[in-house]
Structures are given as structure tokens and as C-alpha cells.
Amino acid sequence: MDAARGPRSSWLNDQRARGRVYQILLLIIITALAWGAITNAAVNMSARGIPMGFGFWNDVAGFDINLHLISYSNLSTYGRAFWVGLLNTLLIAIICIPLATLLGFAVGVARLSPNWLLSQFALVYTSIMRNTPLLLLLLFWYNAVLKSLPGPRQSINLGNVVFLNNRGLYLPMPVARDSAVLFLGAVVAALALAVGFRVWAHRRQDRTGAQAPTALVASALILGLPAIVIATVGAPFTFDIARLSGFNMRGGLPIIPEMAALVFGLVTFTAAFIAEIVRAGVLAVSYGQTEAASALGLHRSLTMRLVVIPQAMRLITPPLTSQYLNIVKNSSLAVFIGYPDLVQIFAGTVLNQTQAAVQVMAITMAVYLAISLAMAAALNAFNAHYALKGRRA
């Protein structure tokens, strides 16, 4: 009797089998809850006349956007407005990530400097920025700094080329000539040759120990080839300089105050966190590495650049990934200072006009998720490359 009952109850004693059963039951419960929520939302939306599809995508938007990287007018569609907002969000990420990285690394290294004044200045900077809410920092840059600048007629003038006022920053706008294609081709060729020479030099050094002047050769290529093209066919660009016309500036490359405030706020805020990550990563490298480099006669700056930082990067990159993702997500706070990013344009204006809340929010969330996953995958691949180099070493 016991022998007959044993096989029927054996799965209860199998921990792995029980785990699968519990997971299946949990999946069924989650699916049922999700289906119930979707059904309930569809019924309520239909009863209130709220659109349930994506037909609004091709409707005329009817509103203007003061910053757009692609052609757009108030006669464009909601779909076009979505792409404008997405490109504006990516533009902020592309600008802020390199600037925050450079500033953060500089401040992080300064925190470890033997110069007392420099290290204390870096400490004060990181303490203030890390303990200040980002929204407050954005409002400070926008209202207290940029909005207090003089008007266009009293613009701060830098050599009659760059103008700064409360309407924005006006830079020279490059205008391509026919020779611009040759110039850009020379730049690409110079970069490719510089990278190829660096790879060859490193492989030769691994085989023979002989070093090559990679920095000198790269500088000669990157500066020399474009210079030869300019000397041969002339300047590849002319520049359109902003000028005062009536009560405003015309021409040039305008950077609106909302964009400048968002860049300044995100860069200074995120750089403080990156600085602490860099400091922790450098301190995690064994001090014996620094002593060995000093025994070989390396200067402190070379020791930091060639010995400490490469080893610290394996520890710095994982938390650095989170800061890069935070830059993209925190850029949504731009809605409070009027920068036309994805949240303000699509999850704000488009949602209010179409009332398609579920569709609009689902698209917005999916876009941020896709951006975050793509950035995380790229940085994870970069971190795996450094980890592989560390194991080989």
C-alpha cells in the first residue's frame, strides 16, 4: 500500500518540481490580473469615449515646438511631434553624458589630490551637489542664472561672434561648402589610420616590448590630413554669425535657455555622483600598484593614467552605468523648465489633446525602457571587455 502511494506523492518531495508548480501558478495569477485590468480599462475608456487605438498618430498636432532637429510645424502630425520629442531627449543624453563623465572624473581625481585646497574644493562641490534636489538645481540655473541675463540689445558679446542673453546662447552656425565632403572624408580617414596605427603599435609592443609614438602619430594624422585638404581646396565651412534684428537676435546657432539650464543642471548634478564612484574605484586599487609604478620612475600623473585608472575602470563601469541611465530618466524633469523633451511633448501636450492616456503612456514608457536597455547592454559589453583584459593581465 505504501509502495503504491509513494510515486503519486513523490513530486511533493521534489523541491525543483514544487518550484515549477508555484511559478506556473504565479504566472497564471499575474496573467489573470493583467487581463482583468486591461479589460476593465477598455470598458471604461469605451464608456467615456476615450480613443482606444492609435488613430491619433496621423492627426494634425496643431501646436508649435520651439526646438526641433527635424522639420516640424503646427500642421505636422502627432507622430511627427513624438519623433521631435524623442530626438530632443536623445540630444540631451548625447551632450550630458560625455560632459558629466569628464567633469566627474576630474573632480573624482581632484578629491584624491595631495593639494589640500584642490581636494577640499572637490569635497565641497560633491557635498553640495549630491545633497541638492535636481529639480531645485534646474530651477536655479533657469530662473536665477539664465533669466537674469541682459536682453538681446545688451547681450554679452564675445568678439562679435558669440552672444549671450536671456533669450539664449548664440554660436556661429557652420555652413558647408562643396569642399566639406573632402574635409570630412579626410577626418574619417585620419581617425581610421590613427586607430589602426595604435592597434599595430600595441601588438608590436606585446611581442617585442618596443614602444611607438602613438600619440604623436595620431596627432599628426588627425591634424595633418584635414590641414592638407584645407590648404588644397580651401575652407570647408563658412559661418553664419548671429546679429541683432529689432528686439531679437537672428541667424547663428541659437541654444535656448531651457536647454542650457537642463544641460548645466544634469551635468553638475550627475558629475558629483560620478566623482564619488571614481574616487571609490581608484581607492579600491591596491596601493602596491602605485608603489610599483613609482619604483619604475613613473610620474604621478602617468601612474594614475596608465596604471590606476585602467584597473579601476572594472569597478567604476557598473555603477557608472546607473548614472548614465539616470541622466536619460532625469531629463524628464525638463518639463518644469519648459524644455520640449519627450515627456513634455508626447506625455504632456499630446496626451492632453488626444486623451489617449493609456496609449501615450505605454509608448513613452516603452521608449525609456528601450533606451535604458540599449545603454545598459553597451556598457555591460564595455565592462566585459575590461574584465577580460584584467584576466589576461
Protein backbone atom coordinates (compact mmCIF):
# COMPACT_ATOMS: atom_id res chain seq x y z
CA MET A 1 0.00 0.00 0.00
CA ASP A 2 2.84 2.40 0.91
CA ALA A 3 4.73 1.44 -2.21
CA ALA A 4 1.70 2.26 -4.36
CA ARG A 5 1.19 5.63 -2.66
CA GLY A 6 4.84 6.69 -2.93
CA PRO A 7 5.09 7.52 -6.68
CA ARG A 8 1.92 9.69 -6.59
CA SER A 9 3.30 11.95 -3.84
CA SER A 10 6.94 11.94 -4.98
CA TRP A 11 6.65 15.33 -6.76
CA LEU A 12 5.77 16.94 -3.41
CA ASN A 13 9.18 15.90 -2.15
CA ASP A 14 10.97 17.26 -5.23
CA GLN A 15 11.97 20.84 -4.48
CA ARG A 16 12.57 21.68 -8.15
CA ALA A 17 9.19 20.30 -9.23
CA ARG A 18 7.40 22.23 -6.47
CA GLY A 19 9.20 25.38 -7.58
CA ARG A 20 7.97 24.95 -11.15
CA VAL A 21 4.39 24.42 -9.97
CA TYR A 22 4.50 27.55 -7.82
CA GLN A 23 5.94 29.58 -10.70
CA ILE A 24 3.22 28.37 -13.07
CA LEU A 25 0.53 29.27 -10.54
CA LEU A 26 2.09 32.72 -10.01
CA LEU A 27 2.23 33.28 -13.77
CA ILE A 28 -1.44 32.33 -14.11
CA ILE A 29 -2.40 34.74 -11.32
CA ILE A 30 -0.39 37.62 -12.83
CA THR A 31 -1.84 36.95 -16.29
CA ALA A 32 -5.37 36.92 -14.88
CA LEU A 33 -4.82 40.18 -13.02
CA ALA A 34 -3.30 41.83 -16.11
CA TRP A 35 -6.15 40.62 -18.33
CA GLY A 36 -8.69 41.91 -15.82
CA ALA A 37 -7.00 45.32 -15.66
CA ILE A 38 -6.84 45.58 -19.47
CA THR A 39 -10.48 44.53 -19.87
CA ASN A 40 -11.62 46.97 -17.18
CA ALA A 41 -9.63 49.82 -18.76
CA ALA A 42 -11.05 49.04 -22.23
CA VAL A 43 -14.64 49.03 -20.92
CA ASN A 44 -14.22 52.31 -19.04
CA MET A 45 -12.44 54.00 -21.96
CA SER A 46 -15.18 52.91 -24.36
CA ALA A 47 -17.91 54.18 -21.99
CA ARG A 48 -16.25 57.61 -21.74
CA GLY A 49 -15.50 57.95 -25.44
CA ILE A 50 -11.73 57.82 -24.94
CA PRO A 51 -9.88 56.56 -28.04
CA MET A 52 -8.61 53.01 -27.68
CA GLY A 53 -6.47 52.76 -30.80
CA PHE A 54 -3.56 54.66 -32.32
CA GLY A 55 -5.51 56.53 -34.98
CA PHE A 56 -4.49 59.84 -33.41
CA TRP A 57 -0.88 59.21 -34.56
CA ASN A 58 -1.59 60.69 -38.01
CA ASP A 59 -3.83 63.55 -36.85
CA VAL A 60 -2.65 67.16 -37.10
CA ALA A 61 -0.94 68.25 -33.89
CA GLY A 62 -1.82 71.95 -34.10
CA PHE A 63 0.88 73.21 -31.73
CA ASP A 64 4.39 74.59 -32.20
CA ILE A 65 7.66 73.33 -30.71
CA ASN A 66 10.43 75.87 -30.18
CA LEU A 67 13.27 73.34 -30.66
CA HIS A 68 13.20 70.64 -33.31
CA LEU A 69 16.05 68.81 -35.03
CA ILE A 70 13.80 67.70 -37.89
CA SER A 71 11.30 69.74 -39.86
CA TYR A 72 8.14 70.43 -37.87
CA SER A 73 5.25 72.89 -37.88
CA ASN A 74 1.84 73.14 -36.24
CA LEU A 75 0.45 71.33 -39.29
CA SER A 76 2.59 68.26 -38.59
CA THR A 77 1.16 65.09 -37.08
CA TYR A 78 1.26 63.79 -33.54
CA GLY A 79 3.63 61.10 -34.79
CA ARG A 80 6.00 63.79 -36.04
CA ALA A 81 5.78 65.50 -32.65
CA PHE A 82 6.74 62.21 -31.00
CA TRP A 83 9.92 61.97 -33.07
CA VAL A 84 10.78 65.59 -32.28
CA GLY A 85 10.47 64.91 -28.54
CA LEU A 86 12.47 61.69 -28.78
CA LEU A 87 15.31 63.39 -30.67
CA ASN A 88 15.35 66.26 -28.16
CA THR A 89 15.65 63.74 -25.31
CA LEU A 90 18.47 61.87 -27.06
CA LEU A 91 20.20 65.19 -27.79
CA ILE A 92 20.36 65.97 -24.07
CA ALA A 93 21.73 62.49 -23.33
CA ILE A 94 24.39 62.78 -26.06
CA ILE A 95 25.52 66.16 -24.71
CA CYS A 96 25.30 65.48 -20.98
CA ILE A 97 26.87 62.01 -20.74
CA PRO A 98 30.34 62.99 -22.08
CA LEU A 99 30.37 66.31 -20.19
CA ALA A 100 29.28 64.71 -16.90
CA THR A 101 31.87 61.94 -17.36
CA LEU A 102 34.73 64.39 -17.96
CA LEU A 103 33.72 66.65 -15.06
CA GLY A 104 33.09 63.70 -12.76
CA PHE A 105 36.46 62.08 -13.49
CA ALA A 106 38.24 65.42 -12.98
CA VAL A 107 36.51 66.06 -9.64
CA GLY A 108 36.99 62.44 -8.51
CA VAL A 109 40.72 62.57 -9.17
CA ALA A 110 40.88 66.01 -7.54
CA ARG A 111 39.36 64.51 -4.37
CA LEU A 112 42.48 62.32 -4.12
CA SER A 113 44.93 65.11 -4.92
CA PRO A 114 47.71 65.82 -2.38
CA ASN A 115 46.90 69.51 -2.90
CA TRP A 116 44.76 70.31 0.14
CA LEU A 117 42.94 73.26 -1.43
CA LEU A 118 42.04 71.31 -4.58
CA SER A 119 40.82 68.25 -2.67
CA GLN A 120 38.71 70.37 -0.31
CA PHE A 121 37.18 72.29 -3.20
CA ALA A 122 36.21 68.97 -4.82
CA LEU A 123 34.78 67.77 -1.49
CA VAL A 124 32.63 70.90 -1.10
CA TYR A 125 31.40 70.58 -4.69
CA THR A 126 30.36 66.94 -4.33
CA SER A 127 28.75 67.56 -0.94
CA ILE A 128 26.63 70.44 -2.21
CA MET A 129 25.57 68.81 -5.48
CA ARG A 130 24.75 65.40 -4.02
CA ASN A 131 22.57 66.93 -1.31
CA THR A 132 20.67 69.36 -3.57
CA PRO A 133 17.47 68.11 -5.27
CA LEU A 134 17.91 68.03 -9.02
CA LEU A 135 14.67 69.90 -9.66
CA LEU A 136 15.83 72.73 -7.40
CA LEU A 137 19.14 72.80 -9.26
CA LEU A 138 17.37 73.06 -12.63
CA LEU A 139 15.17 75.89 -11.39
CA PHE A 140 18.26 77.67 -10.03
CA TRP A 141 20.07 77.53 -13.36
CA TYR A 142 16.96 78.57 -15.28
CA ASN A 143 15.48 81.31 -13.09
CA ALA A 144 18.39 82.62 -11.03
CA VAL A 145 21.18 82.42 -13.62
CA LEU A 146 19.91 82.41 -17.20
CA LYS A 147 16.75 84.50 -16.80
CA SER A 148 18.74 87.21 -15.01
CA LEU A 149 20.95 87.81 -18.05
CA PRO A 150 20.50 91.07 -20.02
CA GLY A 151 18.18 91.35 -23.00
CA PRO A 152 19.23 90.99 -26.66
CA ARG A 153 20.19 94.67 -27.04
CA GLN A 154 22.57 94.39 -24.06
CA SER A 155 23.91 90.93 -24.97
CA ILE A 156 27.19 89.76 -23.54
CA ASN A 157 29.41 89.91 -26.62
CA LEU A 158 32.46 87.70 -27.11
CA GLY A 159 34.42 89.05 -30.07
CA ASN A 160 31.27 89.83 -32.09
CA VAL A 161 30.99 86.08 -32.66
CA VAL A 162 29.27 84.63 -29.57
CA PHE A 163 26.31 86.38 -27.91
CA LEU A 164 24.69 85.55 -24.58
CA ASN A 165 21.41 87.00 -23.32
CA ASN A 166 18.16 85.93 -21.66
CA ARG A 167 16.91 84.58 -25.00
CA GLY A 168 19.76 82.06 -25.19
CA LEU A 169 23.32 81.49 -26.31
CA TYR A 170 24.06 82.29 -29.98
CA LEU A 171 27.03 80.49 -31.54
CA PRO A 172 28.36 80.68 -35.12
CA MET A 173 26.43 78.36 -37.42
CA PRO A 174 28.72 76.37 -39.77
CA VAL A 175 27.56 76.39 -43.39
CA ALA A 176 29.06 73.66 -45.57
CA ARG A 177 30.80 74.40 -48.86
CA ASP A 178 31.46 71.98 -51.71
CA SER A 179 34.83 71.04 -50.18
CA ALA A 180 33.16 69.91 -46.94
CA VAL A 181 32.80 66.35 -48.25
CA LEU A 182 36.54 66.10 -48.90
CA PHE A 183 37.29 67.60 -45.49
CA LEU A 184 35.02 65.15 -43.65
CA GLY A 185 36.49 62.27 -45.66
CA ALA A 186 39.98 63.35 -44.61
CA VAL A 187 38.89 63.46 -40.95
CA VAL A 188 37.40 59.95 -41.13
CA ALA A 189 40.48 58.61 -42.91
CA ALA A 190 42.79 60.23 -40.34
CA LEU A 191 40.83 58.71 -37.43
CA ALA A 192 40.87 55.27 -39.07
CA LEU A 193 44.62 55.45 -39.70
CA ALA A 194 45.27 56.65 -36.14
CA VAL A 195 43.27 53.78 -34.66
CA GLY A 196 44.97 51.28 -36.97
CA PHE A 197 48.42 52.56 -36.03
CA ARG A 198 47.56 52.37 -32.32
CA VAL A 199 46.40 48.75 -32.63
CA TRP A 200 49.55 47.82 -34.60
CA ALA A 201 51.79 49.60 -32.08
CA HIS A 202 50.21 47.82 -29.11
CA ARG A 203 50.55 44.42 -30.76
CA ARG A 204 54.18 45.09 -31.59
CA GLN A 205 54.82 46.22 -28.03
CA ASP A 206 53.27 43.00 -26.70
CA ARG A 207 55.61 40.97 -28.96
CA THR A 208 58.86 42.94 -28.70
CA GLY A 209 58.46 45.45 -25.86
CA ALA A 210 59.32 48.32 -28.23
CA GLN A 211 57.12 51.40 -27.86
CA ALA A 212 55.93 53.62 -30.69
CA PRO A 213 54.94 57.32 -30.50
CA THR A 214 51.22 56.62 -30.90
CA ALA A 215 50.08 59.99 -29.52
CA LEU A 216 52.44 61.92 -31.80
CA VAL A 217 51.49 59.93 -34.91
CA ALA A 218 47.76 60.19 -34.12
CA SER A 219 48.03 63.96 -33.63
CA ALA A 220 49.96 64.34 -36.90
CA LEU A 221 47.36 62.32 -38.81
CA ILE A 222 44.28 63.95 -37.28
CA LEU A 223 45.65 67.47 -37.74
CA GLY A 224 47.72 66.94 -40.86
CA LEU A 225 45.32 65.32 -43.33
CA PRO A 226 42.47 67.84 -42.82
CA ALA A 227 45.01 70.69 -42.96
CA ILE A 228 46.27 69.42 -46.31
CA VAL A 229 42.69 69.36 -47.65
CA ILE A 230 42.08 72.91 -46.42
CA ALA A 231 45.31 74.14 -47.99
CA THR A 232 44.41 72.43 -51.29
CA VAL A 233 40.71 73.16 -51.82
CA GLY A 234 40.03 75.94 -49.31
CA ALA A 235 37.98 76.19 -46.12
CA PRO A 236 35.18 73.59 -45.97
CA PHE A 237 32.81 75.78 -43.98
CA THR A 238 31.70 79.37 -43.65
CA PHE A 239 30.00 80.64 -40.51
CA ASP A 240 26.71 82.43 -40.11
CA ILE A 241 27.11 84.90 -37.23
CA ALA A 242 24.10 85.96 -35.18
CA ARG A 243 23.09 89.62 -35.44
CA LEU A 244 20.66 91.93 -33.68
CA SER A 245 17.47 92.48 -35.70
CA GLY A 246 14.82 94.56 -33.99
CA PHE A 247 14.31 93.25 -30.49
CA ASN A 248 15.83 89.81 -31.02
CA MET A 249 18.86 88.02 -32.45
CA ARG A 250 18.70 86.50 -35.92
CA GLY A 251 20.92 83.87 -37.52
CA GLY A 252 23.68 81.84 -35.92
CA LEU A 253 23.14 78.69 -33.89
CA PRO A 254 20.79 79.51 -31.00
CA ILE A 255 20.76 77.44 -27.82
CA ILE A 256 17.56 78.16 -25.92
CA PRO A 257 17.82 78.91 -22.16
CA GLU A 258 15.72 75.83 -21.29
CA MET A 259 18.24 73.57 -22.97
CA ALA A 260 21.22 75.32 -21.39
CA ALA A 261 19.66 75.12 -17.91
CA LEU A 262 18.90 71.43 -18.36
CA VAL A 263 22.46 70.67 -19.55
CA PHE A 264 24.08 72.67 -16.74
CA GLY A 265 21.85 71.10 -14.11
CA LEU A 266 22.19 67.49 -15.26
CA VAL A 267 25.95 67.74 -15.83
CA THR A 268 26.82 69.39 -12.49
CA PHE A 269 24.45 67.12 -10.56
CA THR A 270 25.46 63.81 -12.14
CA ALA A 271 29.17 64.68 -12.15
CA ALA A 272 29.14 64.80 -8.33
CA PHE A 273 27.95 61.18 -8.15
CA ILE A 274 30.39 60.09 -10.86
CA ALA A 275 33.19 61.75 -8.89
CA GLU A 276 32.45 59.62 -5.83
CA ILE A 277 32.29 56.49 -8.00
CA VAL A 278 35.69 57.34 -9.49
CA ARG A 279 37.18 58.06 -6.07
CA ALA A 280 35.92 54.75 -4.68
CA GLY A 281 37.20 52.86 -7.73
CA VAL A 282 40.66 54.40 -7.50
CA LEU A 283 40.91 53.72 -3.77
CA ALA A 284 39.94 50.09 -4.40
CA VAL A 285 43.09 49.56 -6.48
CA SER A 286 45.88 48.16 -4.34
CA TYR A 287 48.37 50.80 -3.24
CA GLY A 288 51.10 48.37 -4.18
CA GLN A 289 50.34 49.16 -7.83
CA THR A 290 51.13 52.83 -7.22
CA GLU A 291 54.31 51.94 -5.33
CA ALA A 292 55.45 49.65 -8.14
CA ALA A 293 54.86 52.38 -10.71
CA SER A 294 56.79 54.87 -8.59
CA ALA A 295 59.65 52.39 -8.26
CA LEU A 296 59.79 52.24 -12.07
CA GLY A 297 60.12 56.02 -12.19
CA LEU A 298 56.63 56.87 -13.47
CA HIS A 299 55.33 60.34 -12.65
CA ARG A 300 52.17 60.55 -10.51
CA SER A 301 50.04 61.67 -13.47
CA LEU A 302 51.32 58.80 -15.64
CA THR A 303 50.77 56.36 -12.80
CA MET A 304 47.18 57.48 -12.48
CA ARG A 305 46.53 57.40 -16.25
CA LEU A 306 48.39 54.21 -17.19
CA VAL A 307 48.23 52.05 -14.06
CA VAL A 308 45.47 53.03 -11.62
CA ILE A 309 42.60 54.23 -13.84
CA PRO A 310 42.67 51.19 -16.21
CA GLN A 311 42.41 48.84 -13.25
CA ALA A 312 39.78 50.96 -11.53
CA MET A 313 37.57 51.02 -14.65
CA ARG A 314 36.45 47.44 -13.98
CA LEU A 315 35.00 48.68 -10.69
CA ILE A 316 33.82 52.06 -11.94
CA THR A 317 31.86 50.95 -15.01
CA PRO A 318 28.93 49.06 -13.34
CA PRO A 319 27.81 51.96 -11.08
CA LEU A 320 28.65 54.40 -13.89
CA THR A 321 26.01 52.65 -15.98
CA SER A 322 23.35 53.61 -13.45
CA GLN A 323 24.39 57.26 -13.60
CA TYR A 324 24.15 57.30 -17.39
CA LEU A 325 20.68 55.79 -17.20
CA ASN A 326 19.76 58.40 -14.58
CA ILE A 327 20.75 61.18 -16.98
CA VAL A 328 18.23 59.92 -19.54
CA LYS A 329 15.49 59.43 -16.97
CA ASN A 330 16.18 62.64 -15.05
CA SER A 331 15.95 64.63 -18.28
CA SER A 332 12.17 64.18 -17.96
CA LEU A 333 12.30 66.88 -15.25
CA ALA A 334 12.80 69.29 -18.14
CA VAL A 335 9.02 69.66 -18.19
CA PHE A 336 9.33 72.01 -15.19
CA ILE A 337 11.52 74.49 -17.07
CA GLY A 338 9.84 74.18 -20.45
CA TYR A 339 12.38 72.18 -22.44
CA PRO A 340 10.50 70.28 -25.19
CA ASP A 341 11.57 66.71 -24.48
CA LEU A 342 9.59 63.51 -24.97
CA VAL A 343 7.69 63.84 -21.69
CA GLN A 344 6.60 67.44 -22.24
CA ILE A 345 5.63 66.99 -25.90
CA PHE A 346 4.19 63.49 -26.02
CA ALA A 347 3.20 62.59 -22.45
CA GLY A 348 2.09 66.17 -21.85
CA THR A 349 0.66 68.10 -24.79
CA VAL A 350 -0.28 65.13 -26.99
CA LEU A 351 -1.91 63.30 -24.09
CA ASN A 352 -3.96 66.36 -23.11
CA GLN A 353 -5.18 66.93 -26.65
CA THR A 354 -5.96 63.32 -27.60
CA GLN A 355 -6.96 61.95 -24.16
CA ALA A 356 -5.30 58.67 -25.25
CA ALA A 357 -3.65 58.28 -21.87
CA VAL A 358 -3.03 54.53 -21.95
CA GLN A 359 -1.52 54.50 -25.44
CA VAL A 360 0.61 57.60 -24.89
CA MET A 361 1.98 56.48 -21.53
CA ALA A 362 2.63 52.96 -22.83
CA ILE A 363 4.64 54.35 -25.77
CA THR A 364 6.57 56.73 -23.52
CA MET A 365 7.43 54.01 -21.01
CA ALA A 366 8.47 51.64 -23.81
CA VAL A 367 10.79 54.29 -25.28
CA TYR A 368 12.56 54.91 -21.97
CA LEU A 369 12.81 51.17 -21.38
CA ALA A 370 14.35 50.63 -24.83
CA ILE A 371 16.87 53.43 -24.32
CA SER A 372 17.85 52.12 -20.89
CA LEU A 373 18.25 48.53 -22.10
CA ALA A 374 20.35 49.61 -25.09
CA MET A 375 22.65 51.75 -22.93
CA ALA A 376 22.95 49.02 -20.30
CA ALA A 377 23.85 46.43 -22.95
CA ALA A 378 26.53 48.69 -24.46
CA LEU A 379 28.10 49.49 -21.09
CA ASN A 380 27.94 45.84 -19.99
CA ALA A 381 29.85 44.90 -23.15
CA PHE A 382 32.40 47.62 -22.35
CA ASN A 383 32.74 46.34 -18.78
CA ALA A 384 33.16 42.75 -20.02
CA HIS A 385 35.97 43.94 -22.31
CA TYR A 386 37.81 45.48 -19.36
CA ALA A 387 37.21 42.40 -17.21
CA LEU A 388 38.64 40.17 -19.98
CA LYS A 389 41.72 42.38 -20.26
CA GLY A 390 42.16 42.17 -16.49
CA ARG A 391 42.02 38.37 -16.51
CA ARG A 392 44.54 38.19 -19.36
CA ALA A 393 46.87 40.52 -17.48
